[in-house]
Amino acid sequence: MTIAIVDDAVLIRQGLKKLIETSYPDVTIVG
């Protein structure tokens, strides 16, 4: 259960990172 929650959080974070970087090419997110 914990692993699933962590995986979901990582997927959401990566998705948001990609979305932001796509929308704002001059913004770089470290991490």
N, C-alpha and C. Protein backbone atom coordinates (compact mmCIF):
# COMPACT_ATOMS: atom_id res chain seq x y z
N MET A 1 0.85 -1.21 0.00
CA MET A 1 0.00 0.00 0.00
C MET A 1 0.88 1.25 0.00
N THR A 2 1.86 1.25 0.88
CA THR A 2 2.74 2.42 0.95
C THR A 2 3.46 2.64 -0.38
N ILE A 3 3.92 1.53 -0.98
CA ILE A 3 4.64 1.63 -2.25
C ILE A 3 3.73 2.24 -3.32
N ALA A 4 2.46 1.82 -3.33
CA ALA A 4 1.52 2.33 -4.32
C ALA A 4 1.33 3.83 -4.14
N ILE A 5 1.23 4.25 -2.88
CA ILE A 5 1.03 5.68 -2.60
C ILE A 5 2.26 6.48 -3.05
N VAL A 6 3.43 5.94 -2.74
CA VAL A 6 4.66 6.62 -3.15
C VAL A 6 4.75 6.71 -4.67
N ASP A 7 4.45 5.59 -5.34
CA ASP A 7 4.50 5.57 -6.80
C ASP A 7 3.54 6.60 -7.39
N ASP A 8 2.33 6.68 -6.83
CA ASP A 8 1.36 7.65 -7.32
C ASP A 8 1.88 9.07 -7.14
N ALA A 9 2.48 9.34 -6.00
CA ALA A 9 3.01 10.68 -5.73
C ALA A 9 4.12 11.02 -6.72
N VAL A 10 4.97 10.04 -7.00
CA VAL A 10 6.06 10.27 -7.96
C VAL A 10 5.50 10.53 -9.35
N LEU A 11 4.51 9.75 -9.75
CA LEU A 11 3.92 9.92 -11.08
C LEU A 11 3.27 11.29 -11.20
N ILE A 12 2.56 11.70 -10.15
CA ILE A 12 1.90 13.01 -10.17
C ILE A 12 2.95 14.11 -10.24
N ARG A 13 4.02 13.96 -9.45
CA ARG A 13 5.07 14.98 -9.42
C ARG A 13 5.76 15.08 -10.77
N GLN A 14 6.05 13.94 -11.38
CA GLN A 14 6.69 13.94 -12.70
C GLN A 14 5.76 14.54 -13.75
N GLY A 15 4.46 14.23 -13.62
CA GLY A 15 3.49 14.76 -14.56
C GLY A 15 3.40 16.28 -14.46
N LEU A 16 3.37 16.79 -13.24
CA LEU A 16 3.30 18.23 -13.03
C LEU A 16 4.58 18.89 -13.53
N LYS A 17 5.72 18.27 -13.26
CA LYS A 17 7.00 18.81 -13.71
C LYS A 17 7.02 18.93 -15.23
N LYS A 18 6.59 17.86 -15.90
CA LYS A 18 6.59 17.86 -17.37
C LYS A 18 5.62 18.92 -17.89
N LEU A 19 4.45 19.02 -17.25
CA LEU A 19 3.45 19.99 -17.67
C LEU A 19 3.97 21.41 -17.52
N ILE A 20 4.59 21.70 -16.39
CA ILE A 20 5.12 23.04 -16.15
C ILE A 20 6.26 23.35 -17.11
N GLU A 21 7.17 22.39 -17.30
CA GLU A 21 8.30 22.62 -18.19
C GLU A 21 7.83 22.80 -19.63
N THR A 22 6.73 22.14 -19.99
CA THR A 22 6.19 22.28 -21.34
C THR A 22 5.51 23.63 -21.50
N SER A 23 4.79 24.05 -20.47
CA SER A 23 4.06 25.31 -20.53
C SER A 23 4.99 26.51 -20.38
N TYR A 24 6.04 26.32 -19.55
CA TYR A 24 6.98 27.42 -19.30
C TYR A 24 8.40 26.93 -19.56
N PRO A 25 8.84 26.98 -20.83
CA PRO A 25 10.15 26.45 -21.23
C PRO A 25 11.31 27.11 -20.48
N ASP A 26 11.10 28.35 -19.99
CA ASP A 26 12.20 29.04 -19.31
C ASP A 26 12.28 28.69 -17.84
N VAL A 27 11.36 27.82 -17.38
CA VAL A 27 11.37 27.40 -15.98
C VAL A 27 11.99 26.02 -15.87
N THR A 28 12.98 25.90 -14.99
CA THR A 28 13.63 24.61 -14.78
C THR A 28 13.36 24.14 -13.36
N ILE A 29 12.84 22.93 -13.21
CA ILE A 29 12.55 22.37 -11.90
C ILE A 29 13.62 21.36 -11.54
N VAL A 30 14.30 21.58 -10.43
CA VAL A 30 15.37 20.67 -10.00
C VAL A 30 14.78 19.65 -9.03
N GLY A 31 15.11 18.38 -9.26
CA GLY A 31 14.59 17.36 -8.34
C GLY A 31 13.85 16.33 -9.11
